[in-house]
Amino acid sequence: MKLFISQPMAGKTDKEILDERERILHNVKELFPDKEIEVIDSFFDGEPKTPLWYIGESIKLLGQADFVYFCNDWEKYRGCCIEHECCVRYSIKHVEEQGEE
């Protein structure tokens, strides 16, 4: 199963982002213990681009997903909101994290 992680990244260090992705992978493995999980790499490093470039690339990757996990506070970030709208409109299975972990 291909997993796309939608997570707020603004203001976070690379380490914080990658640590959160590991935590999410653990959570998804608990949700689907009988599935092999492949995380779609939507963490872009290198020369910074514009926010619109990032969301464009994310939507392309989202098109490969079998399941999407929305991290805490996703609704406060425009990129995550756009990814969520895509999931809703294209019937991609997803879960929205609730509360602090």
N, C-alpha and C. Protein backbone atom coordinates (compact mmCIF):
# COMPACT_ATOMS: atom_id res chain seq x y z
N MET A 1 0.84 -1.17 0.00
CA MET A 1 0.00 0.00 0.00
C MET A 1 0.90 1.24 0.00
N LYS A 2 0.61 2.14 -0.92
CA LYS A 2 1.39 3.37 -1.01
C LYS A 2 0.76 4.44 -0.13
N LEU A 3 1.58 4.97 0.79
CA LEU A 3 1.15 5.94 1.78
C LEU A 3 1.69 7.32 1.45
N PHE A 4 0.80 8.30 1.41
CA PHE A 4 1.18 9.71 1.27
C PHE A 4 0.94 10.37 2.62
N ILE A 5 1.94 11.08 3.12
CA ILE A 5 1.81 11.78 4.40
C ILE A 5 1.66 13.27 4.12
N SER A 6 0.54 13.83 4.55
CA SER A 6 0.31 15.27 4.42
C SER A 6 0.61 15.88 5.78
N GLN A 7 1.66 16.70 5.82
CA GLN A 7 2.07 17.25 7.10
C GLN A 7 2.49 18.70 6.95
N PRO A 8 2.16 19.52 7.94
CA PRO A 8 2.67 20.89 7.95
C PRO A 8 4.19 20.86 8.07
N MET A 9 4.88 21.64 7.24
CA MET A 9 6.34 21.67 7.27
C MET A 9 6.89 23.05 7.56
N ALA A 10 6.09 24.09 7.38
CA ALA A 10 6.56 25.46 7.58
C ALA A 10 7.04 25.65 9.00
N GLY A 11 8.24 26.20 9.13
CA GLY A 11 8.78 26.50 10.44
C GLY A 11 9.38 25.32 11.18
N LYS A 12 9.45 24.15 10.54
CA LYS A 12 10.02 22.96 11.18
C LYS A 12 11.38 22.66 10.57
N THR A 13 12.24 22.06 11.38
CA THR A 13 13.54 21.63 10.87
C THR A 13 13.35 20.33 10.07
N ASP A 14 14.34 20.02 9.26
CA ASP A 14 14.30 18.75 8.52
C ASP A 14 14.16 17.58 9.48
N LYS A 15 14.88 17.63 10.60
CA LYS A 15 14.82 16.54 11.57
C LYS A 15 13.41 16.40 12.14
N GLU A 16 12.77 17.50 12.49
CA GLU A 16 11.41 17.45 13.02
C GLU A 16 10.44 16.83 12.00
N ILE A 17 10.61 17.22 10.76
CA ILE A 17 9.75 16.69 9.69
C ILE A 17 9.97 15.19 9.53
N LEU A 18 11.22 14.77 9.45
CA LEU A 18 11.53 13.36 9.24
C LEU A 18 11.13 12.51 10.45
N ASP A 19 11.32 13.05 11.66
CA ASP A 19 10.89 12.33 12.86
C ASP A 19 9.37 12.13 12.86
N GLU A 20 8.64 13.16 12.46
CA GLU A 20 7.18 13.04 12.41
C GLU A 20 6.76 12.00 11.38
N ARG A 21 7.45 11.94 10.26
CA ARG A 21 7.14 10.95 9.23
C ARG A 21 7.35 9.53 9.76
N GLU A 22 8.39 9.33 10.55
CA GLU A 22 8.63 8.02 11.16
C GLU A 22 7.49 7.66 12.12
N ARG A 23 7.06 8.63 12.92
CA ARG A 23 5.95 8.40 13.86
C ARG A 23 4.68 8.03 13.11
N ILE A 24 4.41 8.71 12.00
CA ILE A 24 3.22 8.45 11.21
C ILE A 24 3.29 7.05 10.60
N LEU A 25 4.45 6.68 10.08
CA LEU A 25 4.60 5.35 9.51
C LEU A 25 4.29 4.28 10.56
N HIS A 26 4.77 4.49 11.77
CA HIS A 26 4.47 3.55 12.87
C HIS A 26 2.96 3.48 13.10
N ASN A 27 2.28 4.63 13.14
CA ASN A 27 0.83 4.66 13.35
C ASN A 27 0.08 3.92 12.24
N VAL A 28 0.49 4.13 11.01
CA VAL A 28 -0.19 3.49 9.88
C VAL A 28 0.04 1.99 9.89
N LYS A 29 1.23 1.55 10.28
CA LYS A 29 1.49 0.11 10.40
C LYS A 29 0.60 -0.53 11.45
N GLU A 30 0.26 0.22 12.49
CA GLU A 30 -0.67 -0.29 13.50
C GLU A 30 -2.10 -0.35 12.95
N LEU A 31 -2.46 0.61 12.10
CA LEU A 31 -3.79 0.61 11.48
C LEU A 31 -3.96 -0.54 10.48
N PHE A 32 -2.87 -0.87 9.78
CA PHE A 32 -2.89 -1.90 8.74
C PHE A 32 -1.77 -2.91 8.98
N PRO A 33 -1.90 -3.74 10.03
CA PRO A 33 -0.81 -4.65 10.37
C PRO A 33 -0.50 -5.70 9.31
N ASP A 34 -1.45 -6.01 8.45
CA ASP A 34 -1.25 -7.05 7.44
C ASP A 34 -0.80 -6.50 6.09
N LYS A 35 -0.57 -5.20 6.01
CA LYS A 35 -0.19 -4.58 4.73
C LYS A 35 1.28 -4.18 4.75
N GLU A 36 1.90 -4.31 3.59
CA GLU A 36 3.24 -3.76 3.41
C GLU A 36 3.06 -2.30 3.03
N ILE A 37 3.71 -1.40 3.76
CA ILE A 37 3.53 0.03 3.56
C ILE A 37 4.74 0.61 2.85
N GLU A 38 4.50 1.33 1.77
CA GLU A 38 5.54 2.06 1.06
C GLU A 38 5.21 3.55 1.18
N VAL A 39 6.11 4.30 1.80
CA VAL A 39 5.89 5.74 1.96
C VAL A 39 6.31 6.46 0.68
N ILE A 40 5.41 7.25 0.15
CA ILE A 40 5.72 8.09 -1.01
C ILE A 40 6.56 9.26 -0.50
N ASP A 41 7.73 9.44 -1.06
CA ASP A 41 8.64 10.48 -0.59
C ASP A 41 8.20 11.85 -1.10
N SER A 42 7.50 12.58 -0.24
CA SER A 42 7.03 13.92 -0.60
C SER A 42 7.78 14.99 0.18
N PHE A 43 8.92 14.61 0.76
CA PHE A 43 9.78 15.56 1.45
C PHE A 43 10.86 15.99 0.47
N PHE A 44 10.82 17.25 0.08
CA PHE A 44 11.75 17.76 -0.93
C PHE A 44 12.87 18.54 -0.26
N ASP A 45 14.10 18.16 -0.58
CA ASP A 45 15.22 18.95 -0.10
C ASP A 45 15.92 19.59 -1.29
N GLY A 46 16.98 20.27 -1.03
CA GLY A 46 17.68 20.96 -2.11
C GLY A 46 17.31 22.43 -2.14
N GLU A 47 17.57 23.04 -3.25
CA GLU A 47 17.31 24.47 -3.42
C GLU A 47 15.83 24.77 -3.22
N PRO A 48 15.49 25.71 -2.32
CA PRO A 48 14.08 26.04 -2.07
C PRO A 48 13.37 26.52 -3.34
N LYS A 49 12.11 26.12 -3.46
CA LYS A 49 11.27 26.51 -4.59
C LYS A 49 10.11 27.34 -4.04
N THR A 50 9.18 27.71 -4.92
CA THR A 50 8.01 28.47 -4.48
C THR A 50 6.97 27.53 -3.87
N PRO A 51 6.10 28.06 -3.01
CA PRO A 51 5.05 27.21 -2.43
C PRO A 51 4.18 26.53 -3.50
N LEU A 52 3.90 27.23 -4.58
CA LEU A 52 3.07 26.64 -5.64
C LEU A 52 3.79 25.47 -6.32
N TRP A 53 5.10 25.56 -6.46
CA TRP A 53 5.87 24.46 -7.02
C TRP A 53 5.74 23.23 -6.11
N TYR A 54 5.89 23.44 -4.80
CA TYR A 54 5.80 22.32 -3.85
C TYR A 54 4.43 21.64 -3.91
N ILE A 55 3.35 22.43 -3.95
CA ILE A 55 2.02 21.80 -3.97
C ILE A 55 1.79 21.09 -5.29
N GLY A 56 2.31 21.62 -6.37
CA GLY A 56 2.19 20.93 -7.67
C GLY A 56 2.86 19.57 -7.65
N GLU A 57 4.06 19.53 -7.11
CA GLU A 57 4.78 18.25 -7.01
C GLU A 57 4.05 17.30 -6.06
N SER A 58 3.53 17.83 -4.96
CA SER A 58 2.81 16.99 -4.00
C SER A 58 1.56 16.37 -4.62
N ILE A 59 0.84 17.15 -5.40
CA ILE A 59 -0.37 16.62 -6.03
C ILE A 59 -0.03 15.51 -7.01
N LYS A 60 1.07 15.67 -7.74
CA LYS A 60 1.50 14.59 -8.64
C LYS A 60 1.75 13.31 -7.86
N LEU A 61 2.43 13.43 -6.73
CA LEU A 61 2.72 12.25 -5.90
C LEU A 61 1.46 11.70 -5.25
N LEU A 62 0.56 12.58 -4.86
CA LEU A 62 -0.71 12.17 -4.26
C LEU A 62 -1.49 11.26 -5.20
N GLY A 63 -1.33 11.47 -6.49
CA GLY A 63 -2.00 10.64 -7.48
C GLY A 63 -1.57 9.18 -7.45
N GLN A 64 -0.48 8.87 -6.78
CA GLN A 64 0.01 7.49 -6.66
C GLN A 64 -0.48 6.81 -5.39
N ALA A 65 -1.10 7.57 -4.48
CA ALA A 65 -1.40 7.08 -3.14
C ALA A 65 -2.61 6.16 -3.09
N ASP A 66 -2.47 5.14 -2.25
CA ASP A 66 -3.60 4.29 -1.89
C ASP A 66 -4.28 4.80 -0.62
N PHE A 67 -3.50 5.52 0.19
CA PHE A 67 -3.98 5.98 1.48
C PHE A 67 -3.20 7.24 1.87
N VAL A 68 -3.89 8.19 2.48
CA VAL A 68 -3.25 9.44 2.91
C VAL A 68 -3.49 9.65 4.39
N TYR A 69 -2.44 10.05 5.09
CA TYR A 69 -2.50 10.35 6.51
C TYR A 69 -2.27 11.85 6.68
N PHE A 70 -3.25 12.54 7.26
CA PHE A 70 -3.15 13.97 7.52
C PHE A 70 -2.73 14.18 8.96
N CYS A 71 -1.57 14.82 9.16
CA CYS A 71 -1.02 15.07 10.48
C CYS A 71 -1.80 16.16 11.21
N ASN A 72 -1.60 16.21 12.53
CA ASN A 72 -2.21 17.24 13.36
C ASN A 72 -2.07 18.62 12.72
N ASP A 73 -3.12 19.41 12.85
CA ASP A 73 -3.14 20.80 12.38
C ASP A 73 -3.10 20.96 10.87
N TRP A 74 -3.36 19.89 10.14
CA TRP A 74 -3.32 19.99 8.68
C TRP A 74 -4.24 21.09 8.16
N GLU A 75 -5.38 21.29 8.82
CA GLU A 75 -6.38 22.25 8.33
C GLU A 75 -5.92 23.69 8.46
N LYS A 76 -4.80 23.94 9.11
CA LYS A 76 -4.27 25.30 9.28
C LYS A 76 -3.27 25.67 8.18
N TYR A 77 -2.99 24.75 7.28
CA TYR A 77 -1.96 24.96 6.26
C TYR A 77 -2.56 24.78 4.87
N ARG A 78 -2.36 25.78 4.01
CA ARG A 78 -3.01 25.77 2.71
C ARG A 78 -2.62 24.57 1.84
N GLY A 79 -1.37 24.15 1.88
CA GLY A 79 -0.96 22.99 1.09
C GLY A 79 -1.68 21.73 1.53
N CYS A 80 -1.76 21.52 2.83
CA CYS A 80 -2.47 20.35 3.36
C CYS A 80 -3.95 20.42 3.02
N CYS A 81 -4.52 21.62 3.09
CA CYS A 81 -5.95 21.78 2.75
C CYS A 81 -6.21 21.43 1.28
N ILE A 82 -5.30 21.83 0.40
CA ILE A 82 -5.44 21.49 -1.02
C ILE A 82 -5.32 19.98 -1.21
N GLU A 83 -4.36 19.36 -0.53
CA GLU A 83 -4.22 17.90 -0.61
C GLU A 83 -5.47 17.21 -0.09
N HIS A 84 -6.05 17.72 0.98
CA HIS A 84 -7.27 17.14 1.54
C HIS A 84 -8.42 17.26 0.54
N GLU A 85 -8.56 18.40 -0.07
CA GLU A 85 -9.62 18.61 -1.06
C GLU A 85 -9.47 17.61 -2.22
N CYS A 86 -8.23 17.37 -2.63
CA CYS A 86 -7.98 16.38 -3.70
C CYS A 86 -8.44 15.00 -3.24
N CYS A 87 -8.14 14.63 -2.01
CA CYS A 87 -8.57 13.32 -1.49
C CYS A 87 -10.08 13.20 -1.50
N VAL A 88 -10.75 14.24 -1.05
CA VAL A 88 -12.21 14.22 -1.00
C VAL A 88 -12.80 14.12 -2.40
N ARG A 89 -12.34 14.97 -3.29
CA ARG A 89 -12.92 15.02 -4.65
C ARG A 89 -12.58 13.81 -5.50
N TYR A 90 -11.44 13.16 -5.23
CA TYR A 90 -11.04 12.00 -6.01
C TYR A 90 -11.16 10.69 -5.24
N SER A 91 -11.87 10.73 -4.13
CA SER A 91 -12.18 9.54 -3.32
C SER A 91 -10.94 8.72 -2.94
N ILE A 92 -9.91 9.41 -2.47
CA ILE A 92 -8.72 8.73 -1.97
C ILE A 92 -8.92 8.48 -0.48
N LYS A 93 -8.73 7.24 -0.05
CA LYS A 93 -8.91 6.90 1.36
C LYS A 93 -7.90 7.69 2.20
N HIS A 94 -8.39 8.21 3.32
CA HIS A 94 -7.51 9.00 4.17
C HIS A 94 -8.00 9.01 5.62
N VAL A 95 -7.11 9.41 6.50
CA VAL A 95 -7.43 9.58 7.90
C VAL A 95 -6.84 10.92 8.35
N GLU A 96 -7.55 11.56 9.28
CA GLU A 96 -7.11 12.84 9.80
C GLU A 96 -6.74 12.65 11.27
N GLU A 97 -5.51 12.94 11.59
CA GLU A 97 -5.03 12.81 12.96
C GLU A 97 -5.75 13.81 13.85
N GLN A 98 -6.08 13.40 15.04
CA GLN A 98 -6.81 14.25 15.99
C GLN A 98 -5.97 14.47 17.24
N GLY A 99 -5.84 15.71 17.66
CA GLY A 99 -5.18 16.03 18.92
C GLY A 99 -3.68 15.87 18.87
N GLU A 100 -3.05 16.25 19.94
CA GLU A 100 -1.59 16.18 20.04
C GLU A 100 -1.15 14.77 20.44
N GLU A 101 -0.01 14.38 19.93
CA GLU A 101 0.57 13.07 20.30
C GLU A 101 1.87 13.30 21.01
